[in-house]
Amino acid sequence: MLESLPKEVRDGLDAARKRDERRKSRLRVKVGEAAFKVLRFWDDGFALDAGLSPAKLRGLVDVYDGSRHTFQCLIVASSIEDGELLCDFKRVTAVADRAALDFWRDENAPVGYLTGPKRN
């Protein structure tokens, strides 16, 4: 259907679609001090706007949802297709807000202990 439209109209529609995707997305990738909006995110990768991001992206990056740090990803490959930088990652790790426990916590354990009145 879009093939019958003039090239200028198709380019305008593509630009409007990309602008709308950038506006809707809250996810962003942070590499050092630079941050880039995520256009799409799937199980083993994500897409960035190729015009606003580096030509190749590899290594460990942080993914934020607004101001909340959500993932750390290890990018192993990136390629440019249709104006998008497609990044595939080998590992994605959810970021926890507290340190992992190094002991087993019983579900029925008391929260605290009450002591009786002090005797002299």
PDB file of N, CA and C in Angstrom:
ATOM      1  N   MET A   1       0.818  -1.187   0.000  1.00  0.00           N
ATOM      2  CA  MET A   1       0.000   0.000   0.000  1.00  0.00           C
ATOM      3  C   MET A   1       0.867   1.258   0.000  1.00  0.00           C
ATOM      4  N   LEU A   2       1.919   1.262   0.814  1.00  0.00           N
ATOM      5  CA  LEU A   2       2.782   2.438   0.874  1.00  0.00           C
ATOM      6  C   LEU A   2       3.666   2.571  -0.358  1.00  0.00           C
ATOM      7  N   GLU A   3       3.845   1.474  -1.104  1.00  0.00           N
ATOM      8  CA  GLU A   3       4.706   1.515  -2.281  1.00  0.00           C
ATOM      9  C   GLU A   3       4.145   2.422  -3.367  1.00  0.00           C
ATOM     10  N   SER A   4       2.831   2.607  -3.384  1.00  0.00           N
ATOM     11  CA  SER A   4       2.222   3.439  -4.417  1.00  0.00           C
ATOM     12  C   SER A   4       2.350   4.933  -4.112  1.00  0.00           C
ATOM     13  N   LEU A   5       2.733   5.281  -2.892  1.00  0.00           N
ATOM     14  CA  LEU A   5       2.892   6.689  -2.519  1.00  0.00           C
ATOM     15  C   LEU A   5       4.225   7.230  -3.029  1.00  0.00           C
ATOM     16  N   PRO A   6       4.300   8.526  -3.278  1.00  0.00           N
ATOM     17  CA  PRO A   6       5.576   9.119  -3.690  1.00  0.00           C
ATOM     18  C   PRO A   6       6.630   8.969  -2.586  1.00  0.00           C
ATOM     19  N   LYS A   7       7.890   8.975  -2.985  1.00  0.00           N
ATOM     20  CA  LYS A   7       8.997   8.770  -2.052  1.00  0.00           C
ATOM     21  C   LYS A   7       9.008   9.819  -0.946  1.00  0.00           C
ATOM     22  N   GLU A   8       8.703  11.067  -1.266  1.00  0.00           N
ATOM     23  CA  GLU A   8       8.712  12.135  -0.263  1.00  0.00           C
ATOM     24  C   GLU A   8       7.669  11.880   0.821  1.00  0.00           C
ATOM     25  N   VAL A   9       6.506  11.384   0.419  1.00  0.00           N
ATOM     26  CA  VAL A   9       5.438  11.103   1.382  1.00  0.00           C
ATOM     27  C   VAL A   9       5.844   9.932   2.280  1.00  0.00           C
ATOM     28  N   ARG A  10       6.435   8.882   1.685  1.00  0.00           N
ATOM     29  CA  ARG A  10       6.898   7.739   2.485  1.00  0.00           C
ATOM     30  C   ARG A  10       7.970   8.164   3.481  1.00  0.00           C
ATOM     31  N   ASP A  11       8.904   9.010   3.031  1.00  0.00           N
ATOM     32  CA  ASP A  11       9.949   9.501   3.934  1.00  0.00           C
ATOM     33  C   ASP A  11       9.350  10.318   5.074  1.00  0.00           C
ATOM     34  N   GLY A  12       8.352  11.128   4.760  1.00  0.00           N
ATOM     35  CA  GLY A  12       7.684  11.917   5.791  1.00  0.00           C
ATOM     36  C   GLY A  12       6.956  11.039   6.798  1.00  0.00           C
ATOM     37  N   LEU A  13       6.310   9.985   6.310  1.00  0.00           N
ATOM     38  CA  LEU A  13       5.623   9.055   7.208  1.00  0.00           C
ATOM     39  C   LEU A  13       6.616   8.310   8.101  1.00  0.00           C
ATOM     40  N   ASP A  14       7.752   7.894   7.537  1.00  0.00           N
ATOM     41  CA  ASP A  14       8.781   7.222   8.337  1.00  0.00           C
ATOM     42  C   ASP A  14       9.337   8.148   9.414  1.00  0.00           C
ATOM     43  N   ALA A  15       9.583   9.398   9.047  1.00  0.00           N
ATOM     44  CA  ALA A  15      10.106  10.362  10.022  1.00  0.00           C
ATOM     45  C   ALA A  15       9.091  10.605  11.140  1.00  0.00           C
ATOM     46  N   ALA A  16       7.813  10.695  10.790  1.00  0.00           N
ATOM     47  CA  ALA A  16       6.774  10.897  11.804  1.00  0.00           C
ATOM     48  C   ALA A  16       6.659   9.681  12.719  1.00  0.00           C
ATOM     49  N   ARG A  17       6.780   8.481  12.156  1.00  0.00           N
ATOM     50  CA  ARG A  17       6.717   7.259  12.964  1.00  0.00           C
ATOM     51  C   ARG A  17       7.878   7.204  13.947  1.00  0.00           C
ATOM     52  N   LYS A  18       9.083   7.528  13.489  1.00  0.00           N
ATOM     53  CA  LYS A  18      10.256   7.518  14.372  1.00  0.00           C
ATOM     54  C   LYS A  18      10.132   8.569  15.467  1.00  0.00           C
ATOM     55  N   ARG A  19       9.643   9.748  15.097  1.00  0.00           N
ATOM     56  CA  ARG A  19       9.474  10.810  16.086  1.00  0.00           C
ATOM     57  C   ARG A  19       8.465  10.393  17.155  1.00  0.00           C
ATOM     58  N   ASP A  20       7.395   9.730  16.731  1.00  0.00           N
ATOM     59  CA  ASP A  20       6.378   9.265  17.670  1.00  0.00           C
ATOM     60  C   ASP A  20       6.930   8.174  18.582  1.00  0.00           C
ATOM     61  N   GLU A  21       7.734   7.252  18.040  1.00  0.00           N
ATOM     62  CA  GLU A  21       8.330   6.194  18.861  1.00  0.00           C
ATOM     63  C   GLU A  21       9.284   6.776  19.894  1.00  0.00           C
ATOM     64  N   ARG A  22      10.064   7.782  19.491  1.00  0.00           N
ATOM     65  CA  ARG A  22      10.989   8.418  20.436  1.00  0.00           C
ATOM     66  C   ARG A  22      10.234   9.097  21.560  1.00  0.00           C
ATOM     67  N   ARG A  23       9.122   9.713  21.236  1.00  0.00           N
ATOM     68  CA  ARG A  23       8.346  10.435  22.236  1.00  0.00           C
ATOM     69  C   ARG A  23       7.693   9.474  23.229  1.00  0.00           C
ATOM     70  N   LYS A  24       7.232   8.307  22.752  1.00  0.00           N
ATOM     71  CA  LYS A  24       6.530   7.356  23.607  1.00  0.00           C
ATOM     72  C   LYS A  24       7.466   6.593  24.532  1.00  0.00           C
ATOM     73  N   SER A  25       8.664   6.335  24.097  1.00  0.00           N
ATOM     74  CA  SER A  25       9.566   5.467  24.839  1.00  0.00           C
ATOM     75  C   SER A  25      10.151   6.166  26.061  1.00  0.00           C
ATOM     76  N   ARG A  26      10.081   5.491  27.203  1.00  0.00           N
ATOM     77  CA  ARG A  26      10.714   6.001  28.418  1.00  0.00           C
ATOM     78  C   ARG A  26      12.078   5.359  28.623  1.00  0.00           C
ATOM     79  N   LEU A  27      12.325   4.241  27.922  1.00  0.00           N
ATOM     80  CA  LEU A  27      13.583   3.532  28.090  1.00  0.00           C
ATOM     81  C   LEU A  27      14.716   4.296  27.422  1.00  0.00           C
ATOM     82  N   ARG A  28      15.871   4.279  28.074  1.00  0.00           N
ATOM     83  CA  ARG A  28      17.061   4.869  27.471  1.00  0.00           C
ATOM     84  C   ARG A  28      18.270   4.051  27.871  1.00  0.00           C
ATOM     85  N   VAL A  29      19.266   4.066  27.010  1.00  0.00           N
ATOM     86  CA  VAL A  29      20.515   3.349  27.234  1.00  0.00           C
ATOM     87  C   VAL A  29      21.567   4.371  27.603  1.00  0.00           C
ATOM     88  N   LYS A  30      22.302   4.082  28.655  1.00  0.00           N
ATOM     89  CA  LYS A  30      23.346   5.000  29.093  1.00  0.00           C
ATOM     90  C   LYS A  30      24.700   4.315  28.925  1.00  0.00           C
ATOM     91  N   VAL A  31      25.572   4.975  28.163  1.00  0.00           N
ATOM     92  CA  VAL A  31      26.929   4.495  27.923  1.00  0.00           C
ATOM     93  C   VAL A  31      27.859   5.594  28.420  1.00  0.00           C
ATOM     94  N   GLY A  32      28.477   5.384  29.560  1.00  0.00           N
ATOM     95  CA  GLY A  32      29.288   6.445  30.155  1.00  0.00           C
ATOM     96  C   GLY A  32      28.377   7.593  30.550  1.00  0.00           C
ATOM     97  N   GLU A  33      28.623   8.770  30.000  1.00  0.00           N
ATOM     98  CA  GLU A  33      27.778   9.937  30.278  1.00  0.00           C
ATOM     99  C   GLU A  33      26.719  10.157  29.201  1.00  0.00           C
ATOM    100  N   ALA A  34      26.838   9.473  28.069  1.00  0.00           N
ATOM    101  CA  ALA A  34      25.893   9.651  26.964  1.00  0.00           C
ATOM    102  C   ALA A  34      24.665   8.765  27.168  1.00  0.00           C
ATOM    103  N   ALA A  35      23.493   9.294  26.820  1.00  0.00           N
ATOM    104  CA  ALA A  35      22.242   8.543  26.939  1.00  0.00           C
ATOM    105  C   ALA A  35      21.507   8.582  25.603  1.00  0.00           C
ATOM    106  N   PHE A  36      20.918   7.448  25.219  1.00  0.00           N
ATOM    107  CA  PHE A  36      20.215   7.320  23.951  1.00  0.00           C
ATOM    108  C   PHE A  36      18.854   6.694  24.192  1.00  0.00           C
ATOM    109  N   LYS A  37      17.817   7.219  23.529  1.00  0.00           N
ATOM    110  CA  LYS A  37      16.456   6.684  23.652  1.00  0.00           C
ATOM    111  C   LYS A  37      16.359   5.324  22.968  1.00  0.00           C
ATOM    112  N   VAL A  38      15.642   4.402  23.596  1.00  0.00           N
ATOM    113  CA  VAL A  38      15.392   3.077  23.029  1.00  0.00           C
ATOM    114  C   VAL A  38      14.081   3.141  22.256  1.00  0.00           C
ATOM    115  N   LEU A  39      14.132   2.782  20.974  1.00  0.00           N
ATOM    116  CA  LEU A  39      12.915   2.777  20.162  1.00  0.00           C
ATOM    117  C   LEU A  39      12.098   1.515  20.399  1.00  0.00           C
ATOM    118  N   ARG A  40      12.775   0.372  20.414  1.00  0.00           N
ATOM    119  CA  ARG A  40      12.109  -0.918  20.640  1.00  0.00           C
ATOM    120  C   ARG A  40      12.993  -1.769  21.531  1.00  0.00           C
ATOM    121  N   PHE A  41      12.368  -2.648  22.322  1.00  0.00           N
ATOM    122  CA  PHE A  41      13.099  -3.542  23.223  1.00  0.00           C
ATOM    123  C   PHE A  41      12.465  -4.919  23.113  1.00  0.00           C
ATOM    124  N   TRP A  42      13.273  -5.963  22.907  1.00  0.00           N
ATOM    125  CA  TRP A  42      12.752  -7.328  22.827  1.00  0.00           C
ATOM    126  C   TRP A  42      13.625  -8.237  23.676  1.00  0.00           C
ATOM    127  N   ASP A  43      13.368  -9.551  23.630  1.00  0.00           N
ATOM    128  CA  ASP A  43      14.014 -10.501  24.545  1.00  0.00           C
ATOM    129  C   ASP A  43      15.535 -10.467  24.509  1.00  0.00           C
ATOM    130  N   ASP A  44      16.120 -10.365  23.325  1.00  0.00           N
ATOM    131  CA  ASP A  44      17.579 -10.438  23.245  1.00  0.00           C
ATOM    132  C   ASP A  44      18.192  -9.234  22.531  1.00  0.00           C
ATOM    133  N   GLY A  45      17.532  -8.081  22.619  1.00  0.00           N
ATOM    134  CA  GLY A  45      18.106  -6.892  22.006  1.00  0.00           C
ATOM    135  C   GLY A  45      17.203  -5.680  22.096  1.00  0.00           C
ATOM    136  N   PHE A  46      17.673  -4.598  21.499  1.00  0.00           N
ATOM    137  CA  PHE A  46      16.896  -3.366  21.441  1.00  0.00           C
ATOM    138  C   PHE A  46      17.341  -2.562  20.233  1.00  0.00           C
ATOM    139  N   ALA A  47      16.556  -1.544  19.890  1.00  0.00           N
ATOM    140  CA  ALA A  47      16.848  -0.699  18.735  1.00  0.00           C
ATOM    141  C   ALA A  47      16.963   0.751  19.178  1.00  0.00           C
ATOM    142  N   LEU A  48      17.975   1.427  18.638  1.00  0.00           N
ATOM    143  CA  LEU A  48      18.188   2.850  18.872  1.00  0.00           C
ATOM    144  C   LEU A  48      18.087   3.572  17.537  1.00  0.00           C
ATOM    145  N   ASP A  49      17.886   4.874  17.574  1.00  0.00           N
ATOM    146  CA  ASP A  49      17.890   5.669  16.354  1.00  0.00           C
ATOM    147  C   ASP A  49      19.333   5.793  15.873  1.00  0.00           C
ATOM    148  N   ALA A  50      19.603   5.328  14.663  1.00  0.00           N
ATOM    149  CA  ALA A  50      20.974   5.308  14.146  1.00  0.00           C
ATOM    150  C   ALA A  50      21.530   6.715  13.951  1.00  0.00           C
ATOM    151  N   GLY A  51      20.676   7.685  13.699  1.00  0.00           N
ATOM    152  CA  GLY A  51      21.144   9.049  13.492  1.00  0.00           C
ATOM    153  C   GLY A  51      21.593   9.734  14.771  1.00  0.00           C
ATOM    154  N   LEU A  52      21.108   9.263  15.914  1.00  0.00           N
ATOM    155  CA  LEU A  52      21.418   9.909  17.190  1.00  0.00           C
ATOM    156  C   LEU A  52      22.351   9.094  18.072  1.00  0.00           C
ATOM    157  N   SER A  53      22.790   7.932  17.610  1.00  0.00           N
ATOM    158  CA  SER A  53      23.631   7.060  18.428  1.00  0.00           C
ATOM    159  C   SER A  53      24.924   6.746  17.679  1.00  0.00           C
ATOM    160  N   PRO A  54      25.914   6.189  18.379  1.00  0.00           N
ATOM    161  CA  PRO A  54      27.165   5.843  17.694  1.00  0.00           C
ATOM    162  C   PRO A  54      26.940   4.747  16.654  1.00  0.00           C
ATOM    163  N   ALA A  55      27.846   4.669  15.676  1.00  0.00           N
ATOM    164  CA  ALA A  55      27.691   3.702  14.587  1.00  0.00           C
ATOM    165  C   ALA A  55      27.773   2.265  15.090  1.00  0.00           C
ATOM    166  N   LYS A  56      28.620   1.994  16.044  1.00  0.00           N
ATOM    167  CA  LYS A  56      28.740   0.659  16.637  1.00  0.00           C
ATOM    168  C   LYS A  56      28.655   0.800  18.146  1.00  0.00           C
ATOM    169  N   LEU A  57      28.019  -0.152  18.773  1.00  0.00           N
ATOM    170  CA  LEU A  57      27.872  -0.127  20.220  1.00  0.00           C
ATOM    171  C   LEU A  57      28.158  -1.524  20.737  1.00  0.00           C
ATOM    172  N   ARG A  58      29.129  -1.646  21.632  1.00  0.00           N
ATOM    173  CA  ARG A  58      29.492  -2.935  22.222  1.00  0.00           C
ATOM    174  C   ARG A  58      29.842  -2.720  23.677  1.00  0.00           C
ATOM    175  N   GLY A  59      29.739  -3.791  24.448  1.00  0.00           N
ATOM    176  CA  GLY A  59      30.156  -3.738  25.837  1.00  0.00           C
ATOM    177  C   GLY A  59      28.991  -3.620  26.798  1.00  0.00           C
ATOM    178  N   LEU A  60      29.303  -3.254  28.021  1.00  0.00           N
ATOM    179  CA  LEU A  60      28.321  -3.182  29.096  1.00  0.00           C
ATOM    180  C   LEU A  60      27.628  -1.822  29.091  1.00  0.00           C
ATOM    181  N   VAL A  61      26.301  -1.835  29.032  1.00  0.00           N
ATOM    182  CA  VAL A  61      25.510  -0.604  29.055  1.00  0.00           C
ATOM    183  C   VAL A  61      24.434  -0.728  30.131  1.00  0.00           C
ATOM    184  N   ASP A  62      23.936   0.408  30.573  1.00  0.00           N
ATOM    185  CA  ASP A  62      22.867   0.454  31.563  1.00  0.00           C
ATOM    186  C   ASP A  62      21.583   0.903  30.882  1.00  0.00           C
ATOM    187  N   VAL A  63      20.466   0.263  31.228  1.00  0.00           N
ATOM    188  CA  VAL A  63      19.160   0.615  30.675  1.00  0.00           C
ATOM    189  C   VAL A  63      18.323   1.212  31.797  1.00  0.00           C
ATOM    190  N   TYR A  64      17.753   2.383  31.533  1.00  0.00           N
ATOM    191  CA  TYR A  64      16.937   3.096  32.506  1.00  0.00           C
ATOM    192  C   TYR A  64      15.511   3.213  31.997  1.00  0.00           C
ATOM    193  N   ASP A  65      14.555   3.118  32.905  1.00  0.00           N
ATOM    194  CA  ASP A  65      13.154   3.395  32.617  1.00  0.00           C
ATOM    195  C   ASP A  65      12.824   4.681  33.355  1.00  0.00           C
ATOM    196  N   GLY A  66      12.855   5.785  32.643  1.00  0.00           N
ATOM    197  CA  GLY A  66      12.750   7.083  33.297  1.00  0.00           C
ATOM    198  C   GLY A  66      14.026   7.323  34.080  1.00  0.00           C
ATOM    199  N   SER A  67      13.912   7.481  35.395  1.00  0.00           N
ATOM    200  CA  SER A  67      15.103   7.674  36.221  1.00  0.00           C
ATOM    201  C   SER A  67      15.493   6.403  36.972  1.00  0.00           C
ATOM    202  N   ARG A  68      14.715   5.338  36.802  1.00  0.00           N
ATOM    203  CA  ARG A  68      14.963   4.088  37.531  1.00  0.00           C
ATOM    204  C   ARG A  68      15.877   3.170  36.725  1.00  0.00           C
ATOM    205  N   HIS A  69      16.976   2.754  37.327  1.00  0.00           N
ATOM    206  CA  HIS A  69      17.929   1.843  36.697  1.00  0.00           C
ATOM    207  C   HIS A  69      17.312   0.450  36.706  1.00  0.00           C
ATOM    208  N   THR A  70      17.062  -0.137  35.519  1.00  0.00           N
ATOM    209  CA  THR A  70      16.363  -1.414  35.455  1.00  0.00           C
ATOM    210  C   THR A  70      17.239  -2.588  35.037  1.00  0.00           C
ATOM    211  N   PHE A  71      18.112  -2.412  34.038  1.00  0.00           N
ATOM    212  CA  PHE A  71      18.914  -3.521  33.520  1.00  0.00           C
ATOM    213  C   PHE A  71      20.352  -3.101  33.283  1.00  0.00           C
ATOM    214  N   GLN A  72      21.218  -4.108  33.280  1.00  0.00           N
ATOM    215  CA  GLN A  72      22.558  -3.980  32.726  1.00  0.00           C
ATOM    216  C   GLN A  72      22.643  -4.996  31.601  1.00  0.00           C
ATOM    217  N   CYS A  73      23.093  -4.566  30.438  1.00  0.00           N
ATOM    218  CA  CYS A  73      23.156  -5.437  29.268  1.00  0.00           C
ATOM    219  C   CYS A  73      24.577  -5.501  28.741  1.00  0.00           C
ATOM    220  N   LEU A  74      24.970  -6.685  28.292  1.00  0.00           N
ATOM    221  CA  LEU A  74      26.257  -6.864  27.636  1.00  0.00           C
ATOM    222  C   LEU A  74      25.987  -7.012  26.144  1.00  0.00           C
ATOM    223  N   ILE A  75      26.286  -5.964  25.390  1.00  0.00           N
ATOM    224  CA  ILE A  75      26.025  -5.950  23.950  1.00  0.00           C
ATOM    225  C   ILE A  75      27.181  -6.639  23.235  1.00  0.00           C
ATOM    226  N   VAL A  76      26.843  -7.612  22.386  1.00  0.00           N
ATOM    227  CA  VAL A  76      27.876  -8.343  21.650  1.00  0.00           C
ATOM    228  C   VAL A  76      27.873  -8.019  20.167  1.00  0.00           C
ATOM    229  N   ALA A  77      26.775  -7.509  19.645  1.00  0.00           N
ATOM    230  CA  ALA A  77      26.717  -7.197  18.218  1.00  0.00           C
ATOM    231  C   ALA A  77      25.748  -6.048  17.991  1.00  0.00           C
ATOM    232  N   SER A  78      26.066  -5.226  16.996  1.00  0.00           N
ATOM    233  CA  SER A  78      25.149  -4.163  16.599  1.00  0.00           C
ATOM    234  C   SER A  78      25.261  -3.964  15.094  1.00  0.00           C
ATOM    235  N   SER A  79      24.138  -3.638  14.487  1.00  0.00           N
ATOM    236  CA  SER A  79      24.106  -3.395  13.049  1.00  0.00           C
ATOM    237  C   SER A  79      23.061  -2.324  12.763  1.00  0.00           C
ATOM    238  N   ILE A  80      23.194  -1.682  11.615  1.00  0.00           N
ATOM    239  CA  ILE A  80      22.259  -0.626  11.230  1.00  0.00           C
ATOM    240  C   ILE A  80      21.346  -1.152  10.133  1.00  0.00           C
ATOM    241  N   GLU A  81      20.033  -1.058  10.378  1.00  0.00           N
ATOM    242  CA  GLU A  81      19.027  -1.451   9.394  1.00  0.00           C
ATOM    243  C   GLU A  81      17.883  -0.452   9.439  1.00  0.00           C
ATOM    244  N   ASP A  82      17.511   0.081   8.292  1.00  0.00           N
ATOM    245  CA  ASP A  82      16.376   1.006   8.156  1.00  0.00           C
ATOM    246  C   ASP A  82      16.457   2.180   9.126  1.00  0.00           C
ATOM    247  N   GLY A  83      17.635   2.736   9.300  1.00  0.00           N
ATOM    248  CA  GLY A  83      17.791   3.901  10.160  1.00  0.00           C
ATOM    249  C   GLY A  83      17.781   3.599  11.645  1.00  0.00           C
ATOM    250  N   GLU A  84      17.857   2.320  12.008  1.00  0.00           N
ATOM    251  CA  GLU A  84      17.889   1.922  13.412  1.00  0.00           C
ATOM    252  C   GLU A  84      19.176   1.159  13.700  1.00  0.00           C
ATOM    253  N   LEU A  85      19.750   1.408  14.851  1.00  0.00           N
ATOM    254  CA  LEU A  85      20.905   0.651  15.318  1.00  0.00           C
ATOM    255  C   LEU A  85      20.363  -0.505  16.144  1.00  0.00           C
ATOM    256  N   LEU A  86      20.468  -1.721  15.607  1.00  0.00           N
ATOM    257  CA  LEU A  86      19.956  -2.912  16.283  1.00  0.00           C
ATOM    258  C   LEU A  86      21.072  -3.521  17.117  1.00  0.00           C
ATOM    259  N   CYS A  87      20.849  -3.630  18.408  1.00  0.00           N
ATOM    260  CA  CYS A  87      21.849  -4.157  19.333  1.00  0.00           C
ATOM    261  C   CYS A  87      21.365  -5.485  19.895  1.00  0.00           C
ATOM    262  N   ASP A  88      22.205  -6.504  19.789  1.00  0.00           N
ATOM    263  CA  ASP A  88      21.914  -7.816  20.370  1.00  0.00           C
ATOM    264  C   ASP A  88      22.764  -7.975  21.611  1.00  0.00           C
ATOM    265  N   PHE A  89      22.154  -8.462  22.691  1.00  0.00           N
ATOM    266  CA  PHE A  89      22.955  -8.643  23.888  1.00  0.00           C
ATOM    267  C   PHE A  89      23.054 -10.099  24.283  1.00  0.00           C
ATOM    268  N   LYS A  90      24.167 -10.393  24.930  1.00  0.00           N
ATOM    269  CA  LYS A  90      24.463 -11.743  25.382  1.00  0.00           C
ATOM    270  C   LYS A  90      23.864 -11.977  26.762  1.00  0.00           C
ATOM    271  N   ARG A  91      23.839 -10.933  27.546  1.00  0.00           N
ATOM    272  CA  ARG A  91      23.381 -11.057  28.928  1.00  0.00           C
ATOM    273  C   ARG A  91      22.594  -9.812  29.294  1.00  0.00           C
ATOM    274  N   VAL A  92      21.487 -10.016  29.978  1.00  0.00           N
ATOM    275  CA  VAL A  92      20.726  -8.905  30.544  1.00  0.00           C
ATOM    276  C   VAL A  92      20.451  -9.256  32.005  1.00  0.00           C
ATOM    277  N   THR A  93      20.803  -8.344  32.892  1.00  0.00           N
ATOM    278  CA  THR A  93      20.664  -8.578  34.321  1.00  0.00           C
ATOM    279  C   THR A  93      19.790  -7.490  34.925  1.00  0.00           C
ATOM    280  N   ALA A  94      18.750  -7.917  35.621  1.00  0.00           N
ATOM    281  CA  ALA A  94      17.894  -6.954  36.305  1.00  0.00           C
ATOM    282  C   ALA A  94      18.657  -6.365  37.487  1.00  0.00           C
ATOM    283  N   VAL A  95      18.511  -5.083  37.681  1.00  0.00           N
ATOM    284  CA  VAL A  95      19.202  -4.400  38.770  1.00  0.00           C
ATOM    285  C   VAL A  95      18.307  -4.436  40.001  1.00  0.00           C
ATOM    286  N   ALA A  96      18.863  -4.890  41.116  1.00  0.00           N
ATOM    287  CA  ALA A  96      18.111  -4.954  42.372  1.00  0.00           C
ATOM    288  C   ALA A  96      18.353  -3.680  43.174  1.00  0.00           C
ATOM    289  N   ASP A  97      17.391  -3.337  44.010  1.00  0.00           N
ATOM    290  CA  ASP A  97      17.537  -2.126  44.815  1.00  0.00           C
ATOM    291  C   ASP A  97      18.234  -2.387  46.147  1.00  0.00           C
ATOM    292  N   ARG A  98      18.577  -3.648  46.402  1.00  0.00           N
ATOM    293  CA  ARG A  98      19.328  -3.974  47.621  1.00  0.00           C
ATOM    294  C   ARG A  98      20.281  -5.126  47.310  1.00  0.00           C
ATOM    295  N   ALA A  99      21.248  -5.317  48.173  1.00  0.00           N
ATOM    296  CA  ALA A  99      22.240  -6.369  47.965  1.00  0.00           C
ATOM    297  C   ALA A  99      21.607  -7.748  48.135  1.00  0.00           C
ATOM    298  N   ALA A 100      22.157  -8.715  47.438  1.00  0.00           N
ATOM    299  CA  ALA A 100      21.665 -10.083  47.550  1.00  0.00           C
ATOM    300  C   ALA A 100      22.007 -10.647  48.927  1.00  0.00           C
ATOM    301  N   LEU A 101      21.109 -11.474  49.457  1.00  0.00           N
ATOM    302  CA  LEU A 101      21.351 -12.091  50.758  1.00  0.00           C
ATOM    303  C   LEU A 101      22.342 -13.235  50.611  1.00  0.00           C
ATOM    304  N   ASP A 102      23.217 -13.385  51.582  1.00  0.00           N
ATOM    305  CA  ASP A 102      24.149 -14.504  51.550  1.00  0.00           C
ATOM    306  C   ASP A 102      23.775 -15.547  52.604  1.00  0.00           C
ATOM    307  N   PHE A 103      22.501 -15.528  53.011  1.00  0.00           N
ATOM    308  CA  PHE A 103      21.992 -16.519  53.949  1.00  0.00           C
ATOM    309  C   PHE A 103      20.533 -16.781  53.615  1.00  0.00           C
ATOM    310  N   TRP A 104      20.001 -17.885  54.157  1.00  0.00           N
ATOM    311  CA  TRP A 104      18.620 -18.245  53.904  1.00  0.00           C
ATOM    312  C   TRP A 104      17.734 -17.562  54.927  1.00  0.00           C
ATOM    313  N   ARG A 105      16.696 -16.889  54.469  1.00  0.00           N
ATOM    314  CA  ARG A 105      15.774 -16.192  55.362  1.00  0.00           C
ATOM    315  C   ARG A 105      14.485 -17.005  55.466  1.00  0.00           C
ATOM    316  N   ASP A 106      14.144 -17.402  56.709  1.00  0.00           N
ATOM    317  CA  ASP A 106      12.929 -18.167  56.947  1.00  0.00           C
ATOM    318  C   ASP A 106      11.716 -17.251  56.789  1.00  0.00           C
ATOM    319  N   GLU A 107      10.700 -17.729  56.076  1.00  0.00           N
ATOM    320  CA  GLU A 107       9.505 -16.915  55.859  1.00  0.00           C
ATOM    321  C   GLU A 107       8.749 -16.651  57.157  1.00  0.00           C
ATOM    322  N   ASN A 108       8.840 -17.567  58.115  1.00  0.00           N
ATOM    323  CA  ASN A 108       8.105 -17.430  59.370  1.00  0.00           C
ATOM    324  C   ASN A 108       8.971 -16.888  60.504  1.00  0.00           C
ATOM    325  N   ALA A 109      10.123 -16.375  60.177  1.00  0.00           N
ATOM    326  CA  ALA A 109      11.013 -15.843  61.213  1.00  0.00           C
ATOM    327  C   ALA A 109      10.410 -14.574  61.805  1.00  0.00           C
ATOM    328  N   PRO A 110      10.615 -14.359  63.097  1.00  0.00           N
ATOM    329  CA  PRO A 110      10.082 -13.127  63.704  1.00  0.00           C
ATOM    330  C   PRO A 110      10.820 -11.900  63.170  1.00  0.00           C
ATOM    331  N   VAL A 111      10.114 -10.813  63.128  1.00  0.00           N
ATOM    332  CA  VAL A 111      10.699  -9.566  62.652  1.00  0.00           C
ATOM    333  C   VAL A 111      11.620  -8.980  63.715  1.00  0.00           C
ATOM    334  N   GLY A 112      11.245  -9.145  64.966  1.00  0.00           N
ATOM    335  CA  GLY A 112      12.054  -8.646  66.076  1.00  0.00           C
ATOM    336  C   GLY A 112      11.702  -9.412  67.336  1.00  0.00           C
ATOM    337  N   TYR A 113      12.463  -9.210  68.381  1.00  0.00           N
ATOM    338  CA  TYR A 113      12.218  -9.877  69.649  1.00  0.00           C
ATOM    339  C   TYR A 113      11.817  -8.842  70.685  1.00  0.00           C
ATOM    340  N   LEU A 114      10.804  -9.186  71.470  1.00  0.00           N
ATOM    341  CA  LEU A 114      10.377  -8.317  72.562  1.00  0.00           C
ATOM    342  C   LEU A 114      11.049  -8.791  73.842  1.00  0.00           C
ATOM    343  N   THR A 115      11.514  -7.859  74.602  1.00  0.00           N
ATOM    344  CA  THR A 115      12.129  -8.216  75.878  1.00  0.00           C
ATOM    345  C   THR A 115      11.195  -7.781  76.995  1.00  0.00           C
ATOM    346  N   GLY A 116      11.290  -8.456  78.094  1.00  0.00           N
ATOM    347  CA  GLY A 116      10.457  -8.121  79.241  1.00  0.00           C
ATOM    348  C   GLY A 116      10.997  -6.889  79.952  1.00  0.00           C
ATOM    349  N   PRO A 117      10.298  -6.451  81.001  1.00  0.00           N
ATOM    350  CA  PRO A 117      10.772  -5.283  81.742  1.00  0.00           C
ATOM    351  C   PRO A 117      12.104  -5.591  82.426  1.00  0.00           C
ATOM    352  N   LYS A 118      12.935  -4.600  82.520  1.00  0.00           N
ATOM    353  CA  LYS A 118      14.245  -4.785  83.152  1.00  0.00           C
ATOM    354  C   LYS A 118      14.075  -4.880  84.656  1.00  0.00           C
ATOM    355  N   ARG A 119      14.785  -5.812  85.248  1.00  0.00           N
ATOM    356  CA  ARG A 119      14.739  -5.987  86.698  1.00  0.00           C
ATOM    357  C   ARG A 119      16.059  -5.539  87.284  1.00  0.00           C
ATOM    358  N   ASN A 120      15.982  -4.894  88.396  1.00  0.00           N
ATOM    359  CA  ASN A 120      17.204  -4.414  89.057  1.00  0.00           C
ATOM    360  C   ASN A 120      17.764  -5.430  89.972  1.00  0.00           C
TER     361      ASN A 120
END
